[in-house]
Amino acid sequence: IELERDVRDDRNIRIAINLCWLPVTPEQLLRDLYSKPHLLDHAARGL
């Protein structure tokens, strides 16, 4: 448990995990989608 705490509290690991699974609000998701062409191109390939 102590080792797990060390891993969980490490700043670099927290950043790496967040980059792999980013929490986001609905509002921010749409703002990013509408304002970043590369995200829109990826998500809206059917348009």
All heavy atoms as atom14 arrays in JSON, in Angstrom:
{
  "sequence": "IELERDVRDDRNIRIAINLCWLPVTPEQLLRDLYSKPHLLDHAARGL",
  "atom14_mask": [
    [1, 1, 1, 1, 1, 1, 1, 1, 0, 0, 0, 0, 0, 0],
    [1, 1, 1, 1, 1, 1, 1, 1, 1, 0, 0, 0, 0, 0],
    [1, 1, 1, 1, 1, 1, 1, 1, 0, 0, 0, 0, 0, 0],
    [1, 1, 1, 1, 1, 1, 1, 1, 1, 0, 0, 0, 0, 0],
    [1, 1, 1, 1, 1, 1, 1, 1, 1, 1, 1, 0, 0, 0],
    [1, 1, 1, 1, 1, 1, 1, 1, 0, 0, 0, 0, 0, 0],
    [1, 1, 1, 1, 1, 1, 1, 0, 0, 0, 0, 0, 0, 0],
    [1, 1, 1, 1, 1, 1, 1, 1, 1, 1, 1, 0, 0, 0],
    [1, 1, 1, 1, 1, 1, 1, 1, 0, 0, 0, 0, 0, 0],
    [1, 1, 1, 1, 1, 1, 1, 1, 0, 0, 0, 0, 0, 0],
    [1, 1, 1, 1, 1, 1, 1, 1, 1, 1, 1, 0, 0, 0],
    [1, 1, 1, 1, 1, 1, 1, 1, 0, 0, 0, 0, 0, 0],
    [1, 1, 1, 1, 1, 1, 1, 1, 0, 0, 0, 0, 0, 0],
    [1, 1, 1, 1, 1, 1, 1, 1, 1, 1, 1, 0, 0, 0],
    [1, 1, 1, 1, 1, 1, 1, 1, 0, 0, 0, 0, 0, 0],
    [1, 1, 1, 1, 1, 0, 0, 0, 0, 0, 0, 0, 0, 0],
    [1, 1, 1, 1, 1, 1, 1, 1, 0, 0, 0, 0, 0, 0],
    [1, 1, 1, 1, 1, 1, 1, 1, 0, 0, 0, 0, 0, 0],
    [1, 1, 1, 1, 1, 1, 1, 1, 0, 0, 0, 0, 0, 0],
    [1, 1, 1, 1, 1, 1, 0, 0, 0, 0, 0, 0, 0, 0],
    [1, 1, 1, 1, 1, 1, 1, 1, 1, 1, 1, 1, 1, 1],
    [1, 1, 1, 1, 1, 1, 1, 1, 0, 0, 0, 0, 0, 0],
    [1, 1, 1, 1, 1, 1, 1, 0, 0, 0, 0, 0, 0, 0],
    [1, 1, 1, 1, 1, 1, 1, 0, 0, 0, 0, 0, 0, 0],
    [1, 1, 1, 1, 1, 1, 1, 0, 0, 0, 0, 0, 0, 0],
    [1, 1, 1, 1, 1, 1, 1, 0, 0, 0, 0, 0, 0, 0],
    [1, 1, 1, 1, 1, 1, 1, 1, 1, 0, 0, 0, 0, 0],
    [1, 1, 1, 1, 1, 1, 1, 1, 1, 0, 0, 0, 0, 0],
    [1, 1, 1, 1, 1, 1, 1, 1, 0, 0, 0, 0, 0, 0],
    [1, 1, 1, 1, 1, 1, 1, 1, 0, 0, 0, 0, 0, 0],
    [1, 1, 1, 1, 1, 1, 1, 1, 1, 1, 1, 0, 0, 0],
    [1, 1, 1, 1, 1, 1, 1, 1, 0, 0, 0, 0, 0, 0],
    [1, 1, 1, 1, 1, 1, 1, 1, 0, 0, 0, 0, 0, 0],
    [1, 1, 1, 1, 1, 1, 1, 1, 1, 1, 1, 1, 0, 0],
    [1, 1, 1, 1, 1, 1, 0, 0, 0, 0, 0, 0, 0, 0],
    [1, 1, 1, 1, 1, 1, 1, 1, 1, 0, 0, 0, 0, 0],
    [1, 1, 1, 1, 1, 1, 1, 0, 0, 0, 0, 0, 0, 0],
    [1, 1, 1, 1, 1, 1, 1, 1, 1, 1, 0, 0, 0, 0],
    [1, 1, 1, 1, 1, 1, 1, 1, 0, 0, 0, 0, 0, 0],
    [1, 1, 1, 1, 1, 1, 1, 1, 0, 0, 0, 0, 0, 0],
    [1, 1, 1, 1, 1, 1, 1, 1, 0, 0, 0, 0, 0, 0],
    [1, 1, 1, 1, 1, 1, 1, 1, 1, 1, 0, 0, 0, 0],
    [1, 1, 1, 1, 1, 0, 0, 0, 0, 0, 0, 0, 0, 0],
    [1, 1, 1, 1, 1, 0, 0, 0, 0, 0, 0, 0, 0, 0],
    [1, 1, 1, 1, 1, 1, 1, 1, 1, 1, 1, 0, 0, 0],
    [1, 1, 1, 1, 0, 0, 0, 0, 0, 0, 0, 0, 0, 0],
    [1, 1, 1, 1, 1, 1, 1, 1, 0, 0, 0, 0, 0, 0]
  ],
  "atom14_positions": [
    [[0.84, -1.21, 0.0], [0.0, 0.0, 0.0], [0.87, 1.26, 0.0], [0.57, 2.24, -0.69], [-0.94, -0.02, 1.22], [-2.0, -1.12, 1.04], [-1.62, 1.34, 1.41], [-2.85, -1.36, 2.28], [0.0, 0.0, 0.0], [0.0, 0.0, 0.0], [0.0, 0.0, 0.0], [0.0, 0.0, 0.0], [0.0, 0.0, 0.0], [0.0, 0.0, 0.0]],
    [[1.98, 1.21, 0.75], [2.87, 2.38, 0.79], [3.53, 2.61, -0.57], [3.66, 3.75, -1.03], [3.93, 2.17, 1.86], [4.81, 3.4, 2.05], [5.77, 3.24, 3.23], [5.57, 2.32, 4.05], [6.71, 4.05, 3.31], [0.0, 0.0, 0.0], [0.0, 0.0, 0.0], [0.0, 0.0, 0.0], [0.0, 0.0, 0.0], [0.0, 0.0, 0.0]],
    [[3.93, 1.52, -1.23], [4.5, 1.67, -2.57], [3.47, 2.23, -3.55], [3.78, 3.1, -4.38], [5.01, 0.32, -3.07], [6.42, -0.11, -2.65], [6.75, -1.46, -3.25], [7.45, 0.93, -3.08], [0.0, 0.0, 0.0], [0.0, 0.0, 0.0], [0.0, 0.0, 0.0], [0.0, 0.0, 0.0], [0.0, 0.0, 0.0], [0.0, 0.0, 0.0]],
    [[2.25, 1.73, -3.46], [1.18, 2.25, -4.33], [0.98, 3.74, -4.11], [0.76, 4.49, -5.06], [-0.13, 1.5, -4.08], [-0.21, 0.13, -4.71], [-1.58, -0.49, -4.56], [-2.41, 0.06, -3.78], [-1.84, -1.53, -5.2], [0.0, 0.0, 0.0], [0.0, 0.0, 0.0], [0.0, 0.0, 0.0], [0.0, 0.0, 0.0], [0.0, 0.0, 0.0]],
    [[1.05, 4.15, -2.86], [0.91, 5.57, -2.56], [2.04, 6.37, -3.19], [1.81, 7.46, -3.74], [0.87, 5.78, -1.05], [0.57, 7.23, -0.65], [0.58, 7.41, 0.86], [-0.41, 6.55, 1.49], [-0.12, 5.56, 2.32], [1.16, 5.3, 2.62], [-1.06, 4.81, 2.86], [0.0, 0.0, 0.0], [0.0, 0.0, 0.0], [0.0, 0.0, 0.0]],
    [[3.26, 5.84, -3.13], [4.39, 6.54, -3.75], [4.17, 6.68, -5.25], [4.46, 7.74, -5.84], [5.69, 5.77, -3.48], [6.11, 5.83, -2.02], [5.62, 6.73, -1.31], [6.92, 4.97, -1.6], [0.0, 0.0, 0.0], [0.0, 0.0, 0.0], [0.0, 0.0, 0.0], [0.0, 0.0, 0.0], [0.0, 0.0, 0.0], [0.0, 0.0, 0.0]],
    [[3.7, 5.62, -5.88], [3.45, 5.67, -7.33], [2.34, 6.67, -7.64], [2.46, 7.5, -8.54], [3.08, 4.27, -7.86], [2.63, 4.36, -9.32], [4.26, 3.32, -7.71], [0.0, 0.0, 0.0], [0.0, 0.0, 0.0], [0.0, 0.0, 0.0], [0.0, 0.0, 0.0], [0.0, 0.0, 0.0], [0.0, 0.0, 0.0], [0.0, 0.0, 0.0]],
    [[1.25, 6.58, -6.88], [0.09, 7.45, -7.15], [0.43, 8.92, -6.95], [-0.07, 9.79, -7.67], [-1.07, 7.04, -6.25], [-2.36, 7.81, -6.52], [-3.52, 7.27, -5.71], [-3.25, 7.3, -4.28], [-3.04, 6.25, -3.51], [-3.07, 5.03, -4.03], [-2.81, 6.36, -2.21], [0.0, 0.0, 0.0], [0.0, 0.0, 0.0], [0.0, 0.0, 0.0]],
    [[1.31, 9.22, -5.98], [1.62, 10.61, -5.66], [2.7, 11.2, -6.54], [2.95, 12.42, -6.49], [2.06, 10.73, -4.19], [0.91, 10.46, -3.22], [-0.26, 10.47, -3.68], [1.17, 10.22, -2.02], [0.0, 0.0, 0.0], [0.0, 0.0, 0.0], [0.0, 0.0, 0.0], [0.0, 0.0, 0.0], [0.0, 0.0, 0.0], [0.0, 0.0, 0.0]],
    [[3.35, 10.38, -7.33], [4.41, 10.91, -8.2], [3.81, 11.79, -9.29], [2.91, 11.36, -10.03], [5.19, 9.76, -8.83], [6.38, 10.26, -9.62], [7.47, 10.4, -9.05], [6.19, 10.53, -10.84], [0.0, 0.0, 0.0], [0.0, 0.0, 0.0], [0.0, 0.0, 0.0], [0.0, 0.0, 0.0], [0.0, 0.0, 0.0], [0.0, 0.0, 0.0]],
    [[4.29, 13.02, -9.37], [3.7, 14.0, -10.3], [3.82, 13.54, -11.75], [2.86, 13.66, -12.53], [4.4, 15.35, -10.13], [3.84, 16.45, -11.04], [4.48, 17.79, -10.71], [3.97, 18.82, -11.58], [4.46, 19.1, -12.8], [5.49, 18.38, -13.27], [3.93, 20.06, -13.55], [0.0, 0.0, 0.0], [0.0, 0.0, 0.0], [0.0, 0.0, 0.0]],
    [[4.95, 13.0, -12.14], [5.14, 12.59, -13.54], [4.19, 11.44, -13.91], [3.68, 11.39, -15.03], [6.6, 12.17, -13.77], [7.54, 13.36, -13.72], [7.18, 14.46, -14.14], [8.75, 13.14, -13.21], [0.0, 0.0, 0.0], [0.0, 0.0, 0.0], [0.0, 0.0, 0.0], [0.0, 0.0, 0.0], [0.0, 0.0, 0.0], [0.0, 0.0, 0.0]],
    [[3.97, 10.54, -12.97], [3.05, 9.43, -13.25], [1.61, 9.93, -13.36], [0.85, 9.5, -14.23], [3.19, 8.33, -12.18], [4.53, 7.6, -12.38], [2.02, 7.36, -12.23], [4.78, 6.5, -11.38], [0.0, 0.0, 0.0], [0.0, 0.0, 0.0], [0.0, 0.0, 0.0], [0.0, 0.0, 0.0], [0.0, 0.0, 0.0], [0.0, 0.0, 0.0]],
    [[1.25, 10.87, -12.47], [-0.11, 11.43, -12.56], [-0.34, 12.09, -13.91], [-1.38, 11.92, -14.54], [-0.35, 12.44, -11.43], [-0.47, 11.82, -10.05], [-1.26, 12.74, -9.11], [-0.78, 14.11, -9.14], [0.18, 14.59, -8.36], [0.77, 13.78, -7.48], [0.56, 15.84, -8.43], [0.0, 0.0, 0.0], [0.0, 0.0, 0.0], [0.0, 0.0, 0.0]],
    [[0.65, 12.84, -14.36], [0.53, 13.51, -15.65], [0.41, 12.48, -16.78], [-0.42, 12.59, -17.68], [1.73, 14.44, -15.9], [1.67, 15.64, -14.93], [1.74, 14.93, -17.36], [2.9, 16.54, -15.0], [0.0, 0.0, 0.0], [0.0, 0.0, 0.0], [0.0, 0.0, 0.0], [0.0, 0.0, 0.0], [0.0, 0.0, 0.0], [0.0, 0.0, 0.0]],
    [[1.26, 11.45, -16.74], [1.25, 10.43, -17.79], [-0.09, 9.7, -17.84], [-0.64, 9.44, -18.93], [2.39, 9.44, -17.55], [0.0, 0.0, 0.0], [0.0, 0.0, 0.0], [0.0, 0.0, 0.0], [0.0, 0.0, 0.0], [0.0, 0.0, 0.0], [0.0, 0.0, 0.0], [0.0, 0.0, 0.0], [0.0, 0.0, 0.0], [0.0, 0.0, 0.0]],
    [[-0.64, 9.37, -16.66], [-1.93, 8.68, -16.63], [-3.04, 9.58, -17.15], [-3.92, 9.15, -17.9], [-2.22, 8.18, -15.19], [-1.29, 7.01, -14.85], [-3.69, 7.77, -15.04], [-1.43, 6.52, -13.42], [0.0, 0.0, 0.0], [0.0, 0.0, 0.0], [0.0, 0.0, 0.0], [0.0, 0.0, 0.0], [0.0, 0.0, 0.0], [0.0, 0.0, 0.0]],
    [[-3.01, 10.86, -16.75], [-4.03, 11.8, -17.23], [-3.97, 11.96, -18.75], [-5.01, 12.07, -19.42], [-3.87, 13.16, -16.56], [-4.55, 13.22, -15.21], [-5.43, 12.43, -14.92], [-4.12, 14.15, -14.36], [0.0, 0.0, 0.0], [0.0, 0.0, 0.0], [0.0, 0.0, 0.0], [0.0, 0.0, 0.0], [0.0, 0.0, 0.0], [0.0, 0.0, 0.0]],
    [[-2.76, 11.99, -19.3], [-2.64, 12.14, -20.75], [-3.2, 10.93, -21.49], [-3.64, 11.06, -22.64], [-1.17, 12.34, -21.13], [-0.57, 13.71, -20.76], [0.92, 13.74, -21.07], [-1.29, 14.83, -21.51], [0.0, 0.0, 0.0], [0.0, 0.0, 0.0], [0.0, 0.0, 0.0], [0.0, 0.0, 0.0], [0.0, 0.0, 0.0], [0.0, 0.0, 0.0]],
    [[-3.22, 9.79, -20.83], [-3.75, 8.59, -21.47], [-5.25, 8.45, -21.28], [-5.9, 7.7, -22.03], [-3.05, 7.34, -20.91], [-1.3, 7.25, -21.31], [0.0, 0.0, 0.0], [0.0, 0.0, 0.0], [0.0, 0.0, 0.0], [0.0, 0.0, 0.0], [0.0, 0.0, 0.0], [0.0, 0.0, 0.0], [0.0, 0.0, 0.0], [0.0, 0.0, 0.0]],
    [[-5.79, 9.11, -20.27], [-7.25, 9.05, -20.03], [-7.65, 10.38, -19.42], [-7.71, 10.54, -18.2], [-7.59, 7.89, -19.09], [-9.07, 7.55, -19.08], [-10.07, 8.31, -18.59], [-9.67, 6.36, -19.58], [-11.28, 7.68, -18.75], [-11.07, 6.47, -19.35], [-9.19, 5.2, -20.19], [-11.97, 5.47, -19.72], [-10.09, 4.22, -20.55], [-11.47, 4.34, -20.32]],
    [[-7.95, 11.35, -20.27], [-8.18, 12.72, -19.82], [-9.61, 12.92, -19.32], [-10.56, 12.72, -20.07], [-7.93, 13.71, -20.96], [-6.48, 13.91, -21.38], [-6.42, 14.66, -22.7], [-5.72, 14.69, -20.31], [0.0, 0.0, 0.0], [0.0, 0.0, 0.0], [0.0, 0.0, 0.0], [0.0, 0.0, 0.0], [0.0, 0.0, 0.0], [0.0, 0.0, 0.0]],
    [[-9.8, 13.29, -18.04], [-11.14, 13.68, -17.61], [-11.5, 15.02, -18.23], [-10.64, 15.89, -18.43], [-11.0, 13.78, -16.08], [-9.56, 14.08, -15.85], [-8.8, 13.42, -16.97], [0.0, 0.0, 0.0], [0.0, 0.0, 0.0], [0.0, 0.0, 0.0], [0.0, 0.0, 0.0], [0.0, 0.0, 0.0], [0.0, 0.0, 0.0], [0.0, 0.0, 0.0]],
    [[-12.78, 15.22, -18.54], [-13.19, 16.44, -19.24], [-14.67, 16.69, -19.01], [-15.45, 15.75, -18.82], [-12.87, 16.32, -20.76], [-13.69, 15.22, -21.41], [-13.08, 17.65, -21.48], [0.0, 0.0, 0.0], [0.0, 0.0, 0.0], [0.0, 0.0, 0.0], [0.0, 0.0, 0.0], [0.0, 0.0, 0.0], [0.0, 0.0, 0.0], [0.0, 0.0, 0.0]],
    [[-15.07, 17.94, -19.01], [-16.49, 18.29, -18.9], [-17.12, 18.3, -20.29], [-16.4, 18.45, -21.31], [-16.67, 19.68, -18.28], [-16.11, 20.66, -19.16], [-16.0, 19.75, -16.91], [0.0, 0.0, 0.0], [0.0, 0.0, 0.0], [0.0, 0.0, 0.0], [0.0, 0.0, 0.0], [0.0, 0.0, 0.0], [0.0, 0.0, 0.0], [0.0, 0.0, 0.0]],
    [[-18.43, 18.17, -20.39], [-19.08, 18.26, -21.7], [-18.79, 19.58, -22.4], [-18.57, 19.62, -23.61], [-20.57, 18.11, -21.37], [-20.6, 17.35, -20.09], [-19.4, 17.82, -19.33], [0.0, 0.0, 0.0], [0.0, 0.0, 0.0], [0.0, 0.0, 0.0], [0.0, 0.0, 0.0], [0.0, 0.0, 0.0], [0.0, 0.0, 0.0], [0.0, 0.0, 0.0]],
    [[-18.8, 20.66, -21.62], [-18.57, 21.98, -22.22], [-17.17, 22.07, -22.83], [-17.0, 22.55, -23.96], [-18.75, 23.08, -21.15], [-20.16, 23.24, -20.64], [-20.51, 22.26, -19.53], [-19.67, 21.37, -19.2], [-21.62, 22.36, -18.97], [0.0, 0.0, 0.0], [0.0, 0.0, 0.0], [0.0, 0.0, 0.0], [0.0, 0.0, 0.0], [0.0, 0.0, 0.0]],
    [[-16.16, 21.59, -22.08], [-14.8, 21.67, -22.6], [-14.61, 20.74, -23.79], [-13.88, 21.06, -24.74], [-13.79, 21.32, -21.51], [-12.35, 21.66, -21.87], [-12.17, 23.13, -22.19], [-12.59, 23.99, -21.41], [-11.57, 23.43, -23.33], [0.0, 0.0, 0.0], [0.0, 0.0, 0.0], [0.0, 0.0, 0.0], [0.0, 0.0, 0.0], [0.0, 0.0, 0.0]],
    [[-15.26, 19.59, -23.76], [-15.15, 18.67, -24.88], [-15.62, 19.33, -26.17], [-14.95, 19.26, -27.21], [-15.98, 17.41, -24.61], [-15.89, 16.34, -25.69], [-14.68, 15.44, -25.44], [-17.15, 15.49, -25.74], [0.0, 0.0, 0.0], [0.0, 0.0, 0.0], [0.0, 0.0, 0.0], [0.0, 0.0, 0.0], [0.0, 0.0, 0.0], [0.0, 0.0, 0.0]],
    [[-16.79, 20.0, -26.12], [-17.3, 20.64, -27.33], [-16.47, 21.84, -27.73], [-16.24, 22.07, -28.93], [-18.76, 21.06, -27.12], [-19.83, 19.99, -27.23], [-21.21, 20.61, -27.41], [-19.57, 19.01, -28.36], [0.0, 0.0, 0.0], [0.0, 0.0, 0.0], [0.0, 0.0, 0.0], [0.0, 0.0, 0.0], [0.0, 0.0, 0.0], [0.0, 0.0, 0.0]],
    [[-16.03, 22.63, -26.74], [-15.18, 23.79, -27.09], [-13.91, 23.34, -27.8], [-13.5, 23.94, -28.8], [-14.84, 24.58, -25.82], [-16.01, 25.35, -25.25], [-15.54, 26.35, -24.19], [-16.66, 27.09, -23.66], [-17.23, 26.86, -22.48], [-16.73, 25.9, -21.7], [-18.25, 27.58, -22.06], [0.0, 0.0, 0.0], [0.0, 0.0, 0.0], [0.0, 0.0, 0.0]],
    [[-13.28, 22.3, -27.3], [-12.07, 21.78, -27.95], [-12.4, 21.24, -29.34], [-11.64, 21.46, -30.31], [-11.44, 20.68, -27.11], [-10.79, 21.21, -25.84], [-10.63, 22.43, -25.72], [-10.46, 20.39, -24.95], [0.0, 0.0, 0.0], [0.0, 0.0, 0.0], [0.0, 0.0, 0.0], [0.0, 0.0, 0.0], [0.0, 0.0, 0.0], [0.0, 0.0, 0.0]],
    [[-13.51, 20.53, -29.44], [-13.88, 19.93, -30.72], [-14.11, 20.99, -31.78], [-13.65, 20.86, -32.92], [-15.15, 19.09, -30.54], [-15.68, 18.36, -31.78], [-14.7, 17.28, -32.22], [-17.04, 17.75, -31.48], [0.0, 0.0, 0.0], [0.0, 0.0, 0.0], [0.0, 0.0, 0.0], [0.0, 0.0, 0.0], [0.0, 0.0, 0.0], [0.0, 0.0, 0.0]],
    [[-14.81, 22.06, -31.41], [-15.15, 23.11, -32.38], [-13.96, 24.02, -32.72], [-13.95, 24.64, -33.79], [-16.26, 24.0, -31.82], [-17.62, 23.33, -31.7], [-18.51, 23.74, -30.72], [-18.02, 22.32, -32.55], [-19.76, 23.16, -30.58], [-19.26, 21.72, -32.43], [-20.13, 22.15, -31.43], [-21.35, 21.57, -31.32], [0.0, 0.0, 0.0], [0.0, 0.0, 0.0]],
    [[-12.99, 24.11, -31.83], [-11.93, 25.1, -32.03], [-10.61, 24.5, -32.52], [-9.71, 25.26, -32.89], [-11.67, 25.86, -30.71], [-11.21, 24.98, -29.71], [0.0, 0.0, 0.0], [0.0, 0.0, 0.0], [0.0, 0.0, 0.0], [0.0, 0.0, 0.0], [0.0, 0.0, 0.0], [0.0, 0.0, 0.0], [0.0, 0.0, 0.0], [0.0, 0.0, 0.0]],
    [[-10.51, 23.17, -32.53], [-9.25, 22.54, -32.93], [-9.48, 21.67, -34.17], [-10.06, 20.57, -34.07], [-8.69, 21.69, -31.78], [-8.36, 22.54, -30.55], [-7.86, 21.71, -29.39], [-7.54, 22.59, -28.18], [-7.07, 21.8, -27.03], [0.0, 0.0, 0.0], [0.0, 0.0, 0.0], [0.0, 0.0, 0.0], [0.0, 0.0, 0.0], [0.0, 0.0, 0.0]],
    [[-9.05, 22.14, -35.31], [-9.33, 21.42, -36.56], [-8.88, 19.97, -36.55], [-9.56, 19.1, -37.09], [-8.57, 22.24, -37.62], [-8.47, 23.62, -37.03], [-8.34, 23.41, -35.56], [0.0, 0.0, 0.0], [0.0, 0.0, 0.0], [0.0, 0.0, 0.0], [0.0, 0.0, 0.0], [0.0, 0.0, 0.0], [0.0, 0.0, 0.0], [0.0, 0.0, 0.0]],
    [[-7.74, 19.67, -35.91], [-7.26, 18.28, -35.94], [-8.19, 17.36, -35.15], [-8.39, 16.2, -35.53], [-5.82, 18.2, -35.41], [-5.68, 18.42, -33.94], [-5.7, 19.68, -33.36], [-5.53, 17.54, -32.9], [-5.56, 19.57, -32.05], [-5.45, 18.29, -31.75], [0.0, 0.0, 0.0], [0.0, 0.0, 0.0], [0.0, 0.0, 0.0], [0.0, 0.0, 0.0]],
    [[-8.76, 17.88, -34.05], [-9.72, 17.07, -33.3], [-11.0, 16.85, -34.1], [-11.57, 15.75, -34.12], [-10.06, 17.74, -31.96], [-8.95, 17.8, -30.91], [-9.46, 18.48, -29.65], [-8.45, 16.39, -30.58], [0.0, 0.0, 0.0], [0.0, 0.0, 0.0], [0.0, 0.0, 0.0], [0.0, 0.0, 0.0], [0.0, 0.0, 0.0], [0.0, 0.0, 0.0]],
    [[-11.47, 17.89, -34.76], [-12.69, 17.79, -35.55], [-12.48, 16.86, -36.74], [-13.36, 16.04, -37.07], [-13.12, 19.19, -36.02], [-14.53, 19.33, -36.57], [-15.57, 18.87, -35.55], [-14.8, 20.78, -36.95], [0.0, 0.0, 0.0], [0.0, 0.0, 0.0], [0.0, 0.0, 0.0], [0.0, 0.0, 0.0], [0.0, 0.0, 0.0], [0.0, 0.0, 0.0]],
    [[-11.33, 16.95, -37.37], [-11.04, 16.05, -38.5], [-11.03, 14.59, -38.04], [-11.49, 13.7, -38.77], [-9.68, 16.4, -39.11], [-9.73, 17.72, -39.89], [-10.85, 18.17, -40.21], [-8.66, 18.29, -40.14], [0.0, 0.0, 0.0], [0.0, 0.0, 0.0], [0.0, 0.0, 0.0], [0.0, 0.0, 0.0], [0.0, 0.0, 0.0], [0.0, 0.0, 0.0]],
    [[-10.51, 14.35, -36.85], [-10.44, 12.98, -36.32], [-11.84, 12.46, -35.96], [-12.19, 11.32, -36.28], [-9.53, 12.94, -35.09], [-9.59, 11.65, -34.34], [-8.94, 10.5, -34.76], [-10.26, 11.3, -33.2], [-9.19, 9.52, -33.92], [-9.99, 9.97, -32.95], [0.0, 0.0, 0.0], [0.0, 0.0, 0.0], [0.0, 0.0, 0.0], [0.0, 0.0, 0.0]],
    [[-12.62, 13.29, -35.26], [-13.91, 12.82, -34.73], [-15.02, 12.83, -35.77], [-15.95, 12.02, -35.7], [-14.32, 13.68, -33.54], [0.0, 0.0, 0.0], [0.0, 0.0, 0.0], [0.0, 0.0, 0.0], [0.0, 0.0, 0.0], [0.0, 0.0, 0.0], [0.0, 0.0, 0.0], [0.0, 0.0, 0.0], [0.0, 0.0, 0.0], [0.0, 0.0, 0.0]],
    [[-14.95, 13.75, -36.73], [-16.05, 13.95, -37.67], [-15.68, 13.51, -39.07], [-15.92, 14.22, -40.05], [-16.48, 15.42, -37.66], [0.0, 0.0, 0.0], [0.0, 0.0, 0.0], [0.0, 0.0, 0.0], [0.0, 0.0, 0.0], [0.0, 0.0, 0.0], [0.0, 0.0, 0.0], [0.0, 0.0, 0.0], [0.0, 0.0, 0.0], [0.0, 0.0, 0.0]],
    [[-15.12, 12.32, -39.18], [-14.69, 11.84, -40.5], [-15.86, 11.61, -41.44], [-15.7, 11.6, -42.66], [-13.9, 10.54, -40.33], [-12.58, 10.74, -39.59], [-11.89, 9.43, -39.27], [-10.66, 9.64, -38.52], [-9.93, 8.67, -38.0], [-10.32, 7.4, -38.15], [-8.82, 8.94, -37.33], [0.0, 0.0, 0.0], [0.0, 0.0, 0.0], [0.0, 0.0, 0.0]],
    [[-17.06, 11.43, -40.9], [-18.23, 11.21, -41.74], [-18.78, 12.49, -42.34], [-19.65, 12.43, -43.23], [0.0, 0.0, 0.0], [0.0, 0.0, 0.0], [0.0, 0.0, 0.0], [0.0, 0.0, 0.0], [0.0, 0.0, 0.0], [0.0, 0.0, 0.0], [0.0, 0.0, 0.0], [0.0, 0.0, 0.0], [0.0, 0.0, 0.0], [0.0, 0.0, 0.0]],
    [[-18.3, 13.65, -41.88], [-18.74, 14.93, -42.45], [-17.8, 15.35, -43.57], [-16.62, 14.96, -43.61], [-18.76, 16.01, -41.37], [-19.65, 15.76, -40.14], [-19.58, 16.95, -39.19], [-21.08, 15.47, -40.54], [0.0, 0.0, 0.0], [0.0, 0.0, 0.0], [0.0, 0.0, 0.0], [0.0, 0.0, 0.0], [0.0, 0.0, 0.0], [0.0, 0.0, 0.0]]
  ]
}
